[in-house]
Amino acid sequence: MYLDTDVVLAVLKADDWLSSEVDLESIDDPKTSVSTCIEVQYAMEGEWDRTRLTTVNESLAAEGIALVPLREEHIEAGGALQRRYDRLNLFDAVHLGTADVLDETLVSTDTLYPSIEEISTIDPRKI
């Protein structure tokens, strides 16, 4: 299963609003992409120190979350979805494109994602 940034933050931040709801052991083969590391760094800049910001990839590995490389085909798939769905921002498109190419269910609380017909999604609170 491909983890969106909200789920990754719930794993990495003990005080995150979603942290008590995410059970990594119940998520089959959790993975995310390098774009998530970048998005986490943007989101946590100003709250986390530089060391923590620059070791997100190591923190994910320590939690058992595989980091998949970002490939051109993920960007292409995300771009196609972004052209079809006006409400998708860049990170949304990359996450959806990656999940699509990898044929993975996207684990997220984002209420926009269930409206994307091409992608299977699940709210982590329902796992």
Protein backbone atom coordinates (compact mmCIF):
# COMPACT_ATOMS: atom_id res chain seq x y z
CA MET A 1 0.00 0.00 0.00
CA TYR A 2 1.22 3.49 -0.90
CA LEU A 3 1.21 5.96 2.00
CA ASP A 4 0.26 9.58 1.41
CA THR A 5 1.99 12.37 3.31
CA ASP A 6 -0.69 12.64 6.00
CA VAL A 7 -0.12 9.02 6.97
CA VAL A 8 3.66 9.42 6.91
CA LEU A 9 3.40 12.46 9.18
CA ALA A 10 1.17 10.47 11.53
CA VAL A 11 3.92 7.87 11.80
CA LEU A 12 6.77 10.35 12.23
CA LYS A 13 5.06 12.87 14.54
CA ALA A 14 3.87 11.51 17.87
CA ASP A 15 1.64 14.57 18.39
CA ASP A 16 0.09 14.47 14.92
CA TRP A 17 -3.72 14.56 14.85
CA LEU A 18 -3.78 11.21 13.02
CA SER A 19 -1.00 9.38 14.88
CA SER A 20 -3.26 7.44 17.23
CA GLU A 21 -5.31 6.22 14.25
CA VAL A 22 -2.51 4.80 12.09
CA ASP A 23 -1.42 1.22 12.76
CA LEU A 24 1.49 0.46 10.45
CA GLU A 25 1.38 -3.25 11.33
CA SER A 26 -2.08 -3.47 9.76
CA ILE A 27 -0.92 -1.86 6.49
CA ASP A 28 0.29 -4.40 3.95
CA ASP A 29 3.77 -3.66 2.58
CA PRO A 30 3.80 0.10 3.38
CA LYS A 31 5.68 2.24 0.91
CA THR A 32 5.92 5.85 -0.21
CA SER A 33 8.03 7.81 -2.65
CA VAL A 34 10.88 10.27 -2.42
CA SER A 35 8.36 13.02 -3.22
CA THR A 36 6.81 12.34 0.18
CA CYS A 37 10.18 13.01 1.85
CA ILE A 38 10.29 16.36 0.07
CA GLU A 39 6.70 17.20 1.02
CA VAL A 40 7.34 16.28 4.67
CA GLN A 41 10.37 18.57 4.69
CA TYR A 42 8.25 21.44 3.34
CA ALA A 43 5.47 20.78 5.81
CA MET A 44 7.74 20.48 8.86
CA GLU A 45 10.20 23.28 8.06
CA GLY A 46 10.20 25.63 11.02
CA GLU A 47 8.98 22.92 13.39
CA TRP A 48 11.71 20.28 13.05
CA ASP A 49 15.43 20.93 13.28
CA ARG A 50 17.65 20.56 10.23
CA THR A 51 18.88 17.09 11.16
CA ARG A 52 15.37 15.72 11.49
CA LEU A 53 14.29 17.40 8.26
CA THR A 54 17.19 15.95 6.30
CA THR A 55 16.84 12.40 7.60
CA VAL A 56 13.17 11.75 6.79
CA ASN A 57 14.23 8.90 4.52
CA GLU A 58 16.12 7.25 7.39
CA SER A 59 13.17 7.71 9.74
CA LEU A 60 10.87 6.04 7.21
CA ALA A 61 13.23 3.09 6.85
CA ALA A 62 13.42 2.74 10.64
CA GLU A 63 9.60 2.55 10.72
CA GLY A 64 9.56 -0.16 8.04
CA ILE A 65 8.23 2.06 5.27
CA ALA A 66 9.88 1.32 1.93
CA LEU A 67 10.94 4.28 -0.15
CA VAL A 68 10.27 3.83 -3.86
CA PRO A 69 12.18 5.91 -6.40
CA LEU A 70 10.33 8.60 -8.28
CA ARG A 71 10.32 7.69 -11.95
CA GLU A 72 9.36 9.50 -15.12
CA GLU A 73 6.36 7.21 -15.60
CA HIS A 74 5.02 8.28 -12.18
CA ILE A 75 5.27 11.94 -13.20
CA GLU A 76 3.60 11.20 -16.55
CA ALA A 77 0.74 9.33 -14.89
CA GLY A 78 0.34 12.12 -12.34
CA GLY A 79 0.35 14.74 -15.08
CA ALA A 80 -2.38 12.89 -16.95
CA LEU A 81 -4.48 12.80 -13.79
CA GLN A 82 -3.78 16.46 -13.06
CA ARG A 83 -5.02 17.40 -16.55
CA ARG A 84 -8.18 15.39 -15.99
CA TYR A 85 -8.87 16.57 -12.41
CA ASP A 86 -8.49 20.33 -11.95
CA ARG A 87 -8.34 20.18 -8.14
CA LEU A 88 -5.11 18.15 -8.00
CA ASN A 89 -2.00 20.01 -6.93
CA LEU A 90 1.51 18.87 -7.85
CA PHE A 91 2.07 16.64 -4.81
CA ASP A 92 -1.41 15.10 -5.13
CA ALA A 93 -0.70 14.28 -8.75
CA VAL A 94 2.69 12.73 -8.00
CA HIS A 95 1.28 10.56 -5.19
CA LEU A 96 -1.65 9.44 -7.32
CA GLY A 97 0.52 8.81 -10.38
CA THR A 98 2.97 6.76 -8.34
CA ALA A 99 0.21 4.69 -6.74
CA ASP A 100 -1.36 4.16 -10.17
CA VAL A 101 1.84 2.98 -11.86
CA LEU A 102 2.71 0.73 -8.92
CA ASP A 103 -0.88 -0.59 -8.87
CA GLU A 104 -1.08 0.18 -5.14
CA THR A 105 -3.97 1.27 -2.95
CA LEU A 106 -3.37 4.82 -1.73
CA VAL A 107 -3.72 5.18 2.05
CA SER A 108 -4.81 8.72 2.90
CA THR A 109 -7.40 10.84 4.68
CA ASP A 110 -7.51 13.26 1.73
CA THR A 111 -11.19 13.62 0.83
CA LEU A 112 -10.34 14.47 -2.79
CA TYR A 113 -8.73 11.13 -3.58
CA PRO A 114 -11.87 8.92 -3.52
CA SER A 115 -13.23 11.01 -6.41
CA ILE A 116 -10.29 9.96 -8.61
CA GLU A 117 -11.77 7.00 -10.45
CA GLU A 118 -8.46 5.51 -11.57
CA ILE A 119 -7.09 5.03 -8.05
CA SER A 120 -8.10 2.70 -5.23
CA THR A 121 -7.95 4.54 -1.90
CA ILE A 122 -8.56 3.75 1.75
CA ASP A 123 -8.69 5.93 4.83
CA PRO A 124 -6.11 4.67 7.37
CA ARG A 125 -8.73 4.93 10.12
CA LYS A 126 -10.63 2.12 8.37
CA ILE A 127 -7.73 -0.34 8.26
